[in-house]
Amino acid sequence: MDPRTVLIRPVISEKSYALLTANKYTFRVHNDAHKTQIRQAVEEIFGVRVLEVRTMSVKSKPKRRGVSSGRTRKWKKAVVQLHPDDAIELFEGSNA
């Protein structure tokens, strides 16, 4: 699997910003990607050393819009911990 298809996009949330202080980055990843593929993709794209990869499946939530109801998509999330000397310039310089 191509590294650009393994990593879909970074997850931007309060919890992911809090994890940045511990040198952990959160990504939305392909549903079929496993930890080894995620590690290789992050190392190849960003040129960093990965210490640990934790993955989790985010369940779908029920949603309603008027009388019609449905569910959101389920997706896979990965929290990647980097070597203390490395960093990804992901959210730096975006002061609003």
PDB file of N, CA and C in Angstrom:
ATOM      1  N   MET A   1       0.852  -1.185   0.000  1.00  0.00           N
ATOM      2  CA  MET A   1       0.000   0.000   0.000  1.00  0.00           C
ATOM      3  C   MET A   1       0.895   1.246   0.000  1.00  0.00           C
ATOM      4  N   ASP A   2       0.528   2.225  -0.803  1.00  0.00           N
ATOM      5  CA  ASP A   2       1.293   3.462  -0.922  1.00  0.00           C
ATOM      6  C   ASP A   2       1.199   4.264   0.379  1.00  0.00           C
ATOM      7  N   PRO A   3       2.305   4.861   0.854  1.00  0.00           N
ATOM      8  CA  PRO A   3       2.268   5.611   2.123  1.00  0.00           C
ATOM      9  C   PRO A   3       1.260   6.758   2.113  1.00  0.00           C
ATOM     10  N   ARG A   4       1.024   7.352   0.960  1.00  0.00           N
ATOM     11  CA  ARG A   4       0.060   8.461   0.884  1.00  0.00           C
ATOM     12  C   ARG A   4      -1.385   7.980   1.013  1.00  0.00           C
ATOM     13  N   THR A   5      -1.646   6.703   0.738  1.00  0.00           N
ATOM     14  CA  THR A   5      -2.994   6.182   0.931  1.00  0.00           C
ATOM     15  C   THR A   5      -3.181   5.611   2.331  1.00  0.00           C
ATOM     16  N   VAL A   6      -2.079   5.279   3.008  1.00  0.00           N
ATOM     17  CA  VAL A   6      -2.183   4.777   4.385  1.00  0.00           C
ATOM     18  C   VAL A   6      -2.611   5.906   5.314  1.00  0.00           C
ATOM     19  N   LEU A   7      -1.915   7.052   5.244  1.00  0.00           N
ATOM     20  CA  LEU A   7      -2.269   8.214   6.064  1.00  0.00           C
ATOM     21  C   LEU A   7      -3.261   9.070   5.288  1.00  0.00           C
ATOM     22  N   ILE A   8      -4.450   9.247   5.836  1.00  0.00           N
ATOM     23  CA  ILE A   8      -5.469  10.042   5.146  1.00  0.00           C
ATOM     24  C   ILE A   8      -5.321  11.507   5.513  1.00  0.00           C
ATOM     25  N   ARG A   9      -5.357  11.829   6.818  1.00  0.00           N
ATOM     26  CA  ARG A   9      -5.186  13.217   7.265  1.00  0.00           C
ATOM     27  C   ARG A   9      -4.940  13.229   8.766  1.00  0.00           C
ATOM     28  N   PRO A  10      -4.361  14.322   9.268  1.00  0.00           N
ATOM     29  CA  PRO A  10      -4.188  14.418  10.722  1.00  0.00           C
ATOM     30  C   PRO A  10      -5.527  14.693  11.404  1.00  0.00           C
ATOM     31  N   VAL A  11      -5.652  14.226  12.624  1.00  0.00           N
ATOM     32  CA  VAL A  11      -6.857  14.475  13.413  1.00  0.00           C
ATOM     33  C   VAL A  11      -6.621  15.747  14.222  1.00  0.00           C
ATOM     34  N   ILE A  12      -7.520  16.711  14.059  1.00  0.00           N
ATOM     35  CA  ILE A  12      -7.390  17.991  14.762  1.00  0.00           C
ATOM     36  C   ILE A  12      -8.483  18.050  15.829  1.00  0.00           C
ATOM     37  N   SER A  13      -8.073  17.902  17.081  1.00  0.00           N
ATOM     38  CA  SER A  13      -9.003  17.960  18.200  1.00  0.00           C
ATOM     39  C   SER A  13      -8.244  18.431  19.431  1.00  0.00           C
ATOM     40  N   GLU A  14      -8.978  18.714  20.494  1.00  0.00           N
ATOM     41  CA  GLU A  14      -8.332  19.141  21.732  1.00  0.00           C
ATOM     42  C   GLU A  14      -7.428  18.045  22.286  1.00  0.00           C
ATOM     43  N   LYS A  15      -7.880  16.813  22.196  1.00  0.00           N
ATOM     44  CA  LYS A  15      -7.091  15.708  22.723  1.00  0.00           C
ATOM     45  C   LYS A  15      -5.815  15.508  21.904  1.00  0.00           C
ATOM     46  N   SER A  16      -5.912  15.636  20.584  1.00  0.00           N
ATOM     47  CA  SER A  16      -4.708  15.461  19.769  1.00  0.00           C
ATOM     48  C   SER A  16      -3.716  16.592  20.007  1.00  0.00           C
ATOM     49  N   TYR A  17      -4.198  17.813  20.237  1.00  0.00           N
ATOM     50  CA  TYR A  17      -3.298  18.916  20.571  1.00  0.00           C
ATOM     51  C   TYR A  17      -2.628  18.682  21.923  1.00  0.00           C
ATOM     52  N   ALA A  18      -3.339  18.100  22.878  1.00  0.00           N
ATOM     53  CA  ALA A  18      -2.754  17.804  24.187  1.00  0.00           C
ATOM     54  C   ALA A  18      -1.673  16.726  24.063  1.00  0.00           C
ATOM     55  N   LEU A  19      -1.844  15.787  23.136  1.00  0.00           N
ATOM     56  CA  LEU A  19      -0.856  14.724  22.950  1.00  0.00           C
ATOM     57  C   LEU A  19       0.416  15.230  22.273  1.00  0.00           C
ATOM     58  N   LEU A  20       0.358  16.383  21.614  1.00  0.00           N
ATOM     59  CA  LEU A  20       1.541  16.927  20.957  1.00  0.00           C
ATOM     60  C   LEU A  20       2.659  17.224  21.952  1.00  0.00           C
ATOM     61  N   THR A  21       2.295  17.566  23.185  1.00  0.00           N
ATOM     62  CA  THR A  21       3.319  17.848  24.194  1.00  0.00           C
ATOM     63  C   THR A  21       4.100  16.587  24.562  1.00  0.00           C
ATOM     64  N   ALA A  22       3.484  15.421  24.406  1.00  0.00           N
ATOM     65  CA  ALA A  22       4.150  14.145  24.678  1.00  0.00           C
ATOM     66  C   ALA A  22       4.775  13.564  23.411  1.00  0.00           C
ATOM     67  N   ASN A  23       4.874  14.381  22.337  1.00  0.00           N
ATOM     68  CA  ASN A  23       5.455  13.967  21.057  1.00  0.00           C
ATOM     69  C   ASN A  23       4.664  12.835  20.414  1.00  0.00           C
ATOM     70  N   LYS A  24       3.316  12.895  20.560  1.00  0.00           N
ATOM     71  CA  LYS A  24       2.427  11.915  19.949  1.00  0.00           C
ATOM     72  C   LYS A  24       1.539  12.638  18.945  1.00  0.00           C
ATOM     73  N   TYR A  25       1.414  12.061  17.755  1.00  0.00           N
ATOM     74  CA  TYR A  25       0.639  12.664  16.674  1.00  0.00           C
ATOM     75  C   TYR A  25      -0.476  11.712  16.288  1.00  0.00           C
ATOM     76  N   THR A  26      -1.644  12.265  15.986  1.00  0.00           N
ATOM     77  CA  THR A  26      -2.821  11.478  15.687  1.00  0.00           C
ATOM     78  C   THR A  26      -3.187  11.631  14.218  1.00  0.00           C
ATOM     79  N   PHE A  27      -3.446  10.501  13.554  1.00  0.00           N
ATOM     80  CA  PHE A  27      -3.795  10.492  12.142  1.00  0.00           C
ATOM     81  C   PHE A  27      -5.024   9.637  11.900  1.00  0.00           C
ATOM     82  N   ARG A  28      -5.810  10.038  10.896  1.00  0.00           N
ATOM     83  CA  ARG A  28      -6.850   9.166  10.372  1.00  0.00           C
ATOM     84  C   ARG A  28      -6.174   8.308   9.318  1.00  0.00           C
ATOM     85  N   VAL A  29      -6.329   6.981   9.420  1.00  0.00           N
ATOM     86  CA  VAL A  29      -5.608   6.071   8.533  1.00  0.00           C
ATOM     87  C   VAL A  29      -6.595   5.180   7.782  1.00  0.00           C
ATOM     88  N   HIS A  30      -6.084   4.503   6.770  1.00  0.00           N
ATOM     89  CA  HIS A  30      -6.890   3.583   5.966  1.00  0.00           C
ATOM     90  C   HIS A  30      -7.381   2.447   6.852  1.00  0.00           C
ATOM     91  N   ASN A  31      -8.611   1.983   6.611  1.00  0.00           N
ATOM     92  CA  ASN A  31      -9.207   0.947   7.470  1.00  0.00           C
ATOM     93  C   ASN A  31      -8.432  -0.365   7.447  1.00  0.00           C
ATOM     94  N   ASP A  32      -7.766  -0.680   6.329  1.00  0.00           N
ATOM     95  CA  ASP A  32      -7.062  -1.949   6.215  1.00  0.00           C
ATOM     96  C   ASP A  32      -5.585  -1.849   6.589  1.00  0.00           C
ATOM     97  N   ALA A  33      -5.112  -0.662   6.976  1.00  0.00           N
ATOM     98  CA  ALA A  33      -3.697  -0.478   7.306  1.00  0.00           C
ATOM     99  C   ALA A  33      -3.398  -1.055   8.686  1.00  0.00           C
ATOM    100  N   HIS A  34      -2.254  -1.728   8.797  1.00  0.00           N
ATOM    101  CA  HIS A  34      -1.844  -2.235  10.102  1.00  0.00           C
ATOM    102  C   HIS A  34      -0.677  -1.408  10.623  1.00  0.00           C
ATOM    103  N   LYS A  35      -0.245  -1.706  11.852  1.00  0.00           N
ATOM    104  CA  LYS A  35       0.725  -0.863  12.550  1.00  0.00           C
ATOM    105  C   LYS A  35       2.053  -0.738  11.798  1.00  0.00           C
ATOM    106  N   THR A  36       2.512  -1.811  11.190  1.00  0.00           N
ATOM    107  CA  THR A  36       3.773  -1.764  10.466  1.00  0.00           C
ATOM    108  C   THR A  36       3.672  -0.823   9.269  1.00  0.00           C
ATOM    109  N   GLN A  37       2.565  -0.882   8.538  1.00  0.00           N
ATOM    110  CA  GLN A  37       2.373   0.005   7.397  1.00  0.00           C
ATOM    111  C   GLN A  37       2.290   1.458   7.839  1.00  0.00           C
ATOM    112  N   ILE A  38       1.626   1.717   8.955  1.00  0.00           N
ATOM    113  CA  ILE A  38       1.491   3.082   9.465  1.00  0.00           C
ATOM    114  C   ILE A  38       2.862   3.610   9.888  1.00  0.00           C
ATOM    115  N   ARG A  39       3.650   2.787  10.565  1.00  0.00           N
ATOM    116  CA  ARG A  39       5.000   3.176  10.980  1.00  0.00           C
ATOM    117  C   ARG A  39       5.856   3.526   9.763  1.00  0.00           C
ATOM    118  N   GLN A  40       5.846   2.678   8.752  1.00  0.00           N
ATOM    119  CA  GLN A  40       6.646   2.911   7.551  1.00  0.00           C
ATOM    120  C   GLN A  40       6.180   4.154   6.805  1.00  0.00           C
ATOM    121  N   ALA A  41       4.865   4.393   6.763  1.00  0.00           N
ATOM    122  CA  ALA A  41       4.334   5.553   6.054  1.00  0.00           C
ATOM    123  C   ALA A  41       4.754   6.856   6.742  1.00  0.00           C
ATOM    124  N   VAL A  42       4.664   6.906   8.071  1.00  0.00           N
ATOM    125  CA  VAL A  42       5.045   8.112   8.805  1.00  0.00           C
ATOM    126  C   VAL A  42       6.546   8.365   8.660  1.00  0.00           C
ATOM    127  N   GLU A  43       7.343   7.314   8.766  1.00  0.00           N
ATOM    128  CA  GLU A  43       8.788   7.477   8.636  1.00  0.00           C
ATOM    129  C   GLU A  43       9.183   7.935   7.240  1.00  0.00           C
ATOM    130  N   GLU A  44       8.507   7.427   6.204  1.00  0.00           N
ATOM    131  CA  GLU A  44       8.843   7.791   4.831  1.00  0.00           C
ATOM    132  C   GLU A  44       8.367   9.196   4.478  1.00  0.00           C
ATOM    133  N   ILE A  45       7.157   9.549   4.868  1.00  0.00           N
ATOM    134  CA  ILE A  45       6.592  10.848   4.481  1.00  0.00           C
ATOM    135  C   ILE A  45       7.261  11.989   5.239  1.00  0.00           C
ATOM    136  N   PHE A  46       7.416  11.840   6.564  1.00  0.00           N
ATOM    137  CA  PHE A  46       7.910  12.940   7.390  1.00  0.00           C
ATOM    138  C   PHE A  46       9.390  12.839   7.732  1.00  0.00           C
ATOM    139  N   GLY A  47      10.031  11.706   7.462  1.00  0.00           N
ATOM    140  CA  GLY A  47      11.454  11.552   7.745  1.00  0.00           C
ATOM    141  C   GLY A  47      11.785  11.579   9.226  1.00  0.00           C
ATOM    142  N   VAL A  48      11.003  10.876  10.033  1.00  0.00           N
ATOM    143  CA  VAL A  48      11.194  10.830  11.487  1.00  0.00           C
ATOM    144  C   VAL A  48      11.330   9.376  11.925  1.00  0.00           C
ATOM    145  N   ARG A  49      11.710   9.176  13.193  1.00  0.00           N
ATOM    146  CA  ARG A  49      11.802   7.837  13.771  1.00  0.00           C
ATOM    147  C   ARG A  49      10.594   7.594  14.667  1.00  0.00           C
ATOM    148  N   VAL A  50       9.906   6.491  14.452  1.00  0.00           N
ATOM    149  CA  VAL A  50       8.691   6.160  15.200  1.00  0.00           C
ATOM    150  C   VAL A  50       9.038   5.159  16.293  1.00  0.00           C
ATOM    151  N   LEU A  51       8.607   5.462  17.519  1.00  0.00           N
ATOM    152  CA  LEU A  51       8.823   4.540  18.638  1.00  0.00           C
ATOM    153  C   LEU A  51       7.657   3.580  18.806  1.00  0.00           C
ATOM    154  N   GLU A  52       6.422   4.092  18.660  1.00  0.00           N
ATOM    155  CA  GLU A  52       5.251   3.282  18.976  1.00  0.00           C
ATOM    156  C   GLU A  52       4.068   3.731  18.133  1.00  0.00           C
ATOM    157  N   VAL A  53       3.223   2.771  17.764  1.00  0.00           N
ATOM    158  CA  VAL A  53       1.991   3.061  17.029  1.00  0.00           C
ATOM    159  C   VAL A  53       0.844   2.387  17.760  1.00  0.00           C
ATOM    160  N   ARG A  54      -0.175   3.159  18.061  1.00  0.00           N
ATOM    161  CA  ARG A  54      -1.391   2.609  18.674  1.00  0.00           C
ATOM    162  C   ARG A  54      -2.551   2.901  17.739  1.00  0.00           C
ATOM    163  N   THR A  55      -3.356   1.890  17.464  1.00  0.00           N
ATOM    164  CA  THR A  55      -4.483   2.059  16.551  1.00  0.00           C
ATOM    165  C   THR A  55      -5.782   1.774  17.280  1.00  0.00           C
ATOM    166  N   MET A  56      -6.840   2.399  16.787  1.00  0.00           N
ATOM    167  CA  MET A  56      -8.170   2.143  17.324  1.00  0.00           C
ATOM    168  C   MET A  56      -9.199   2.380  16.241  1.00  0.00           C
ATOM    169  N   SER A  57     -10.288   1.657  16.316  1.00  0.00           N
ATOM    170  CA  SER A  57     -11.389   1.836  15.385  1.00  0.00           C
ATOM    171  C   SER A  57     -12.431   2.724  16.041  1.00  0.00           C
ATOM    172  N   VAL A  58     -12.797   3.799  15.358  1.00  0.00           N
ATOM    173  CA  VAL A  58     -13.804   4.724  15.872  1.00  0.00           C
ATOM    174  C   VAL A  58     -15.144   4.256  15.337  1.00  0.00           C
ATOM    175  N   LYS A  59     -16.058   3.961  16.236  1.00  0.00           N
ATOM    176  CA  LYS A  59     -17.366   3.440  15.840  1.00  0.00           C
ATOM    177  C   LYS A  59     -18.229   4.530  15.221  1.00  0.00           C
ATOM    178  N   SER A  60     -19.208   4.114  14.431  1.00  0.00           N
ATOM    179  CA  SER A  60     -20.124   5.074  13.811  1.00  0.00           C
ATOM    180  C   SER A  60     -21.138   5.545  14.844  1.00  0.00           C
ATOM    181  N   LYS A  61     -21.629   6.770  14.639  1.00  0.00           N
ATOM    182  CA  LYS A  61     -22.595   7.358  15.559  1.00  0.00           C
ATOM    183  C   LYS A  61     -23.922   7.544  14.837  1.00  0.00           C
ATOM    184  N   PRO A  62     -25.039   7.370  15.553  1.00  0.00           N
ATOM    185  CA  PRO A  62     -26.336   7.637  14.903  1.00  0.00           C
ATOM    186  C   PRO A  62     -26.554   9.141  14.733  1.00  0.00           C
ATOM    187  N   LYS A  63     -27.080   9.523  13.585  1.00  0.00           N
ATOM    188  CA  LYS A  63     -27.367  10.929  13.284  1.00  0.00           C
ATOM    189  C   LYS A  63     -28.773  11.033  12.718  1.00  0.00           C
ATOM    190  N   ARG A  64     -29.403  12.169  12.978  1.00  0.00           N
ATOM    191  CA  ARG A  64     -30.743  12.423  12.444  1.00  0.00           C
ATOM    192  C   ARG A  64     -30.766  13.794  11.801  1.00  0.00           C
ATOM    193  N   ARG A  65     -31.550  13.905  10.746  1.00  0.00           N
ATOM    194  CA  ARG A  65     -31.804  15.191  10.110  1.00  0.00           C
ATOM    195  C   ARG A  65     -33.276  15.183   9.741  1.00  0.00           C
ATOM    196  N   GLY A  66     -34.068  15.746  10.612  1.00  0.00           N
ATOM    197  CA  GLY A  66     -35.513  15.701  10.401  1.00  0.00           C
ATOM    198  C   GLY A  66     -36.025  14.302  10.660  1.00  0.00           C
ATOM    199  N   VAL A  67     -36.809  13.770   9.711  1.00  0.00           N
ATOM    200  CA  VAL A  67     -37.362  12.431   9.893  1.00  0.00           C
ATOM    201  C   VAL A  67     -36.406  11.348   9.414  1.00  0.00           C
ATOM    202  N   SER A  68     -35.430  11.713   8.581  1.00  0.00           N
ATOM    203  CA  SER A  68     -34.501  10.698   8.076  1.00  0.00           C
ATOM    204  C   SER A  68     -33.383  10.484   9.090  1.00  0.00           C
ATOM    205  N   SER A  69     -33.018   9.241   9.269  1.00  0.00           N
ATOM    206  CA  SER A  69     -31.952   8.913  10.215  1.00  0.00           C
ATOM    207  C   SER A  69     -30.911   8.048   9.525  1.00  0.00           C
ATOM    208  N   GLY A  70     -29.726   8.079  10.051  1.00  0.00           N
ATOM    209  CA  GLY A  70     -28.644   7.296   9.481  1.00  0.00           C
ATOM    210  C   GLY A  70     -27.503   7.205  10.462  1.00  0.00           C
ATOM    211  N   ARG A  71     -26.347   6.841   9.971  1.00  0.00           N
ATOM    212  CA  ARG A  71     -25.165   6.709  10.813  1.00  0.00           C
ATOM    213  C   ARG A  71     -23.972   7.329  10.103  1.00  0.00           C
ATOM    214  N   THR A  72     -23.013   7.801  10.894  1.00  0.00           N
ATOM    215  CA  THR A  72     -21.766   8.279  10.317  1.00  0.00           C
ATOM    216  C   THR A  72     -20.914   7.068   9.953  1.00  0.00           C
ATOM    217  N   ARG A  73     -19.845   7.298   9.208  1.00  0.00           N
ATOM    218  CA  ARG A  73     -18.958   6.199   8.839  1.00  0.00           C
ATOM    219  C   ARG A  73     -18.073   5.806  10.013  1.00  0.00           C
ATOM    220  N   LYS A  74     -17.710   4.540  10.073  1.00  0.00           N
ATOM    221  CA  LYS A  74     -16.680   4.133  11.030  1.00  0.00           C
ATOM    222  C   LYS A  74     -15.329   4.396  10.374  1.00  0.00           C
ATOM    223  N   TRP A  75     -14.308   4.654  11.205  1.00  0.00           N
ATOM    224  CA  TRP A  75     -12.982   4.953  10.668  1.00  0.00           C
ATOM    225  C   TRP A  75     -11.922   4.511  11.638  1.00  0.00           C
ATOM    226  N   LYS A  76     -10.687   4.517  11.179  1.00  0.00           N
ATOM    227  CA  LYS A  76      -9.567   4.030  11.977  1.00  0.00           C
ATOM    228  C   LYS A  76      -8.637   5.188  12.297  1.00  0.00           C
ATOM    229  N   LYS A  77      -8.171   5.211  13.540  1.00  0.00           N
ATOM    230  CA  LYS A  77      -7.308   6.278  14.037  1.00  0.00           C
ATOM    231  C   LYS A  77      -6.016   5.663  14.550  1.00  0.00           C
ATOM    232  N   ALA A  78      -4.905   6.372  14.327  1.00  0.00           N
ATOM    233  CA  ALA A  78      -3.610   5.907  14.816  1.00  0.00           C
ATOM    234  C   ALA A  78      -2.931   7.026  15.585  1.00  0.00           C
ATOM    235  N   VAL A  79      -2.403   6.692  16.774  1.00  0.00           N
ATOM    236  CA  VAL A  79      -1.617   7.630  17.564  1.00  0.00           C
ATOM    237  C   VAL A  79      -0.166   7.154  17.468  1.00  0.00           C
ATOM    238  N   VAL A  80       0.690   8.018  16.914  1.00  0.00           N
ATOM    239  CA  VAL A  80       2.074   7.668  16.626  1.00  0.00           C
ATOM    240  C   VAL A  80       2.982   8.439  17.574  1.00  0.00           C
ATOM    241  N   GLN A  81       3.813   7.718  18.333  1.00  0.00           N
ATOM    242  CA  GLN A  81       4.780   8.367  19.214  1.00  0.00           C
ATOM    243  C   GLN A  81       6.138   8.379  18.532  1.00  0.00           C
ATOM    244  N   LEU A  82       6.750   9.566  18.495  1.00  0.00           N
ATOM    245  CA  LEU A  82       8.022   9.743  17.829  1.00  0.00           C
ATOM    246  C   LEU A  82       9.179   9.715  18.816  1.00  0.00           C
ATOM    247  N   HIS A  83      10.364   9.554  18.279  1.00  0.00           N
ATOM    248  CA  HIS A  83      11.597   9.642  19.063  1.00  0.00           C
ATOM    249  C   HIS A  83      11.674  11.049  19.661  1.00  0.00           C
ATOM    250  N   PRO A  84      12.195  11.209  20.888  1.00  0.00           N
ATOM    251  CA  PRO A  84      12.220  12.545  21.527  1.00  0.00           C
ATOM    252  C   PRO A  84      12.964  13.616  20.726  1.00  0.00           C
ATOM    253  N   ASP A  85      13.914  13.232  19.881  1.00  0.00           N
ATOM    254  CA  ASP A  85      14.657  14.210  19.088  1.00  0.00           C
ATOM    255  C   ASP A  85      13.913  14.644  17.825  1.00  0.00           C
ATOM    256  N   ASP A  86      12.864  13.914  17.432  1.00  0.00           N
ATOM    257  CA  ASP A  86      12.146  14.190  16.190  1.00  0.00           C
ATOM    258  C   ASP A  86      10.843  14.929  16.457  1.00  0.00           C
ATOM    259  N   ALA A  87      10.364  15.618  15.439  1.00  0.00           N
ATOM    260  CA  ALA A  87       9.080  16.308  15.514  1.00  0.00           C
ATOM    261  C   ALA A  87       8.540  16.464  14.105  1.00  0.00           C
ATOM    262  N   ILE A  88       7.221  16.560  13.997  1.00  0.00           N
ATOM    263  CA  ILE A  88       6.551  16.816  12.725  1.00  0.00           C
ATOM    264  C   ILE A  88       6.018  18.235  12.791  1.00  0.00           C
ATOM    265  N   GLU A  89       6.389  19.059  11.830  1.00  0.00           N
ATOM    266  CA  GLU A  89       5.904  20.448  11.797  1.00  0.00           C
ATOM    267  C   GLU A  89       4.506  20.443  11.197  1.00  0.00           C
ATOM    268  N   LEU A  90       3.549  19.914  11.953  1.00  0.00           N
ATOM    269  CA  LEU A  90       2.203  19.692  11.440  1.00  0.00           C
ATOM    270  C   LEU A  90       1.313  20.891  11.679  1.00  0.00           C
ATOM    271  N   PHE A  91       1.268  21.364  12.895  1.00  0.00           N
ATOM    272  CA  PHE A  91       0.361  22.438  13.253  1.00  0.00           C
ATOM    273  C   PHE A  91       1.110  23.706  13.614  1.00  0.00           C
ATOM    274  N   GLU A  92       2.406  23.737  13.412  1.00  0.00           N
ATOM    275  CA  GLU A  92       3.202  24.903  13.816  1.00  0.00           C
ATOM    276  C   GLU A  92       2.938  26.055  12.857  1.00  0.00           C
ATOM    277  N   GLY A  93       2.920  27.259  13.396  1.00  0.00           N
ATOM    278  CA  GLY A  93       2.756  28.445  12.581  1.00  0.00           C
ATOM    279  C   GLY A  93       1.347  28.746  12.143  1.00  0.00           C
ATOM    280  N   SER A  94       0.344  28.061  12.719  1.00  0.00           N
ATOM    281  CA  SER A  94      -1.046  28.323  12.334  1.00  0.00           C
ATOM    282  C   SER A  94      -1.749  29.055  13.472  1.00  0.00           C
ATOM    283  N   ASN A  95      -1.332  30.284  13.746  1.00  0.00           N
ATOM    284  CA  ASN A  95      -1.956  31.096  14.787  1.00  0.00           C
ATOM    285  C   ASN A  95      -3.144  31.817  14.210  1.00  0.00           C
ATOM    286  N   ALA A  96      -4.298  31.600  14.788  1.00  0.00           N
ATOM    287  CA  ALA A  96      -5.517  32.224  14.251  1.00  0.00           C
ATOM    288  C   ALA A  96      -5.904  33.438  15.053  1.00  0.00           C
TER     289      ALA A  96
END
